[in-house]
Amino acid sequence: MRNSIDARIYDLANYIVENETTVRAAAKRYGVSKSTVHKDVTQRLYEIDRSLYLRVQEVLARNKAERHLRGGMATKRKYALLAEGHKKNGA
């Protein structure tokens, strides 16, 4: 049982580091909840591989610092799509 959890932890951590991705993207990729990913890479990983833990923390810190930018870009895309839909409908 423990080996499968450890394997998941390593898979998640390596995926985040190699792809410089978010907890949300890793959760979607591996079919687990965001809470599971977060606990795996912030608590469990610390106990089993501290060097990998530190690399994951760098990616997560960068994501946290950039999240307001990603949110703004998502909002911009949303309203651009809405405006485009109005142009197509002749509104």
Protein backbone atom coordinates (compact mmCIF):
# COMPACT_ATOMS: atom_id res chain seq x y z
CA MET A 1 0.00 0.00 0.00
CA ARG A 2 2.68 2.48 0.98
CA ASN A 3 4.65 1.85 -2.21
CA SER A 4 1.72 2.88 -4.40
CA ILE A 5 1.30 6.12 -2.43
CA ASP A 6 5.02 6.81 -2.68
CA ALA A 7 4.91 6.11 -6.42
CA ARG A 8 2.00 8.56 -6.81
CA ILE A 9 3.87 11.19 -4.83
CA TYR A 10 6.95 10.85 -7.04
CA ASP A 11 4.84 10.84 -10.21
CA LEU A 12 3.01 14.02 -9.17
CA ALA A 13 6.15 15.79 -8.02
CA ASN A 14 8.12 14.93 -11.14
CA TYR A 15 5.20 15.95 -13.36
CA ILE A 16 4.96 19.34 -11.66
CA VAL A 17 8.71 19.97 -11.88
CA GLU A 18 9.23 18.69 -15.43
CA ASN A 19 6.23 20.53 -16.86
CA GLU A 20 6.36 23.52 -14.52
CA THR A 21 2.64 23.06 -14.08
CA THR A 22 0.02 23.74 -11.44
CA VAL A 23 -1.50 21.56 -8.74
CA ARG A 24 -4.78 21.73 -10.66
CA ALA A 25 -3.17 20.45 -13.88
CA ALA A 26 -1.38 17.62 -12.04
CA ALA A 27 -4.63 16.61 -10.33
CA LYS A 28 -6.44 16.49 -13.65
CA ARG A 29 -3.62 14.54 -15.34
CA TYR A 30 -3.49 11.87 -12.61
CA GLY A 31 -7.19 11.75 -11.76
CA VAL A 32 -6.88 12.76 -8.12
CA SER A 33 -8.17 15.75 -6.19
CA LYS A 34 -6.28 19.02 -5.86
CA SER A 35 -6.22 18.41 -2.10
CA THR A 36 -4.49 15.07 -2.60
CA VAL A 37 -1.87 16.59 -4.90
CA HIS A 38 -1.25 19.45 -2.50
CA LYS A 39 -0.87 17.16 0.51
CA ASP A 40 1.36 14.77 -1.45
CA VAL A 41 3.77 17.45 -2.65
CA THR A 42 3.81 19.68 0.43
CA GLN A 43 3.65 17.22 3.33
CA ARG A 44 4.33 13.66 2.25
CA LEU A 45 7.09 14.48 -0.24
CA TYR A 46 8.99 16.44 2.44
CA GLU A 47 9.34 13.22 4.44
CA ILE A 48 10.58 11.03 1.58
CA ASP A 49 12.65 13.29 -0.74
CA ARG A 50 13.60 16.76 0.42
CA SER A 51 15.56 17.76 -2.67
CA LEU A 52 12.58 17.00 -4.94
CA TYR A 53 10.33 18.73 -2.39
CA LEU A 54 12.41 21.91 -2.72
CA ARG A 55 12.20 21.81 -6.52
CA VAL A 56 8.42 21.39 -6.37
CA GLN A 57 8.17 24.29 -3.92
CA GLU A 58 10.02 26.55 -6.40
CA VAL A 59 7.45 25.75 -9.09
CA LEU A 60 4.51 26.21 -6.70
CA ALA A 61 5.89 29.54 -5.45
CA ARG A 62 6.28 30.78 -9.03
CA ASN A 63 2.72 29.66 -9.83
CA LYS A 64 1.41 31.47 -6.78
CA ALA A 65 3.22 34.65 -7.77
CA GLU A 66 1.80 34.46 -11.30
CA ARG A 67 -1.75 33.38 -10.54
CA HIS A 68 -3.16 36.91 -10.67
CA LEU A 69 -1.76 37.21 -14.20
CA ARG A 70 -3.32 33.90 -15.29
CA GLY A 71 -6.65 34.99 -13.80
CA GLY A 72 -6.52 38.28 -15.68
CA MET A 73 -5.69 36.50 -18.93
CA ALA A 74 -8.60 34.09 -18.44
CA THR A 75 -10.98 36.99 -17.89
CA LYS A 76 -9.66 38.74 -20.99
CA ARG A 77 -10.21 35.57 -23.07
CA LYS A 78 -13.71 35.18 -21.67
CA TYR A 79 -14.80 38.65 -22.68
CA ALA A 80 -13.06 38.44 -26.05
CA LEU A 81 -15.04 35.27 -26.81
CA LEU A 82 -18.26 36.93 -25.68
CA ALA A 83 -17.57 39.93 -27.89
CA GLU A 84 -16.78 37.67 -30.83
CA GLY A 85 -20.07 35.82 -30.31
CA HIS A 86 -21.98 39.10 -30.39
CA LYS A 87 -20.30 40.09 -33.67
CA LYS A 88 -21.22 36.75 -35.27
CA ASN A 89 -24.83 37.08 -34.14
CA GLY A 90 -25.09 40.61 -35.48
CA ALA A 91 -25.65 42.14 -32.08
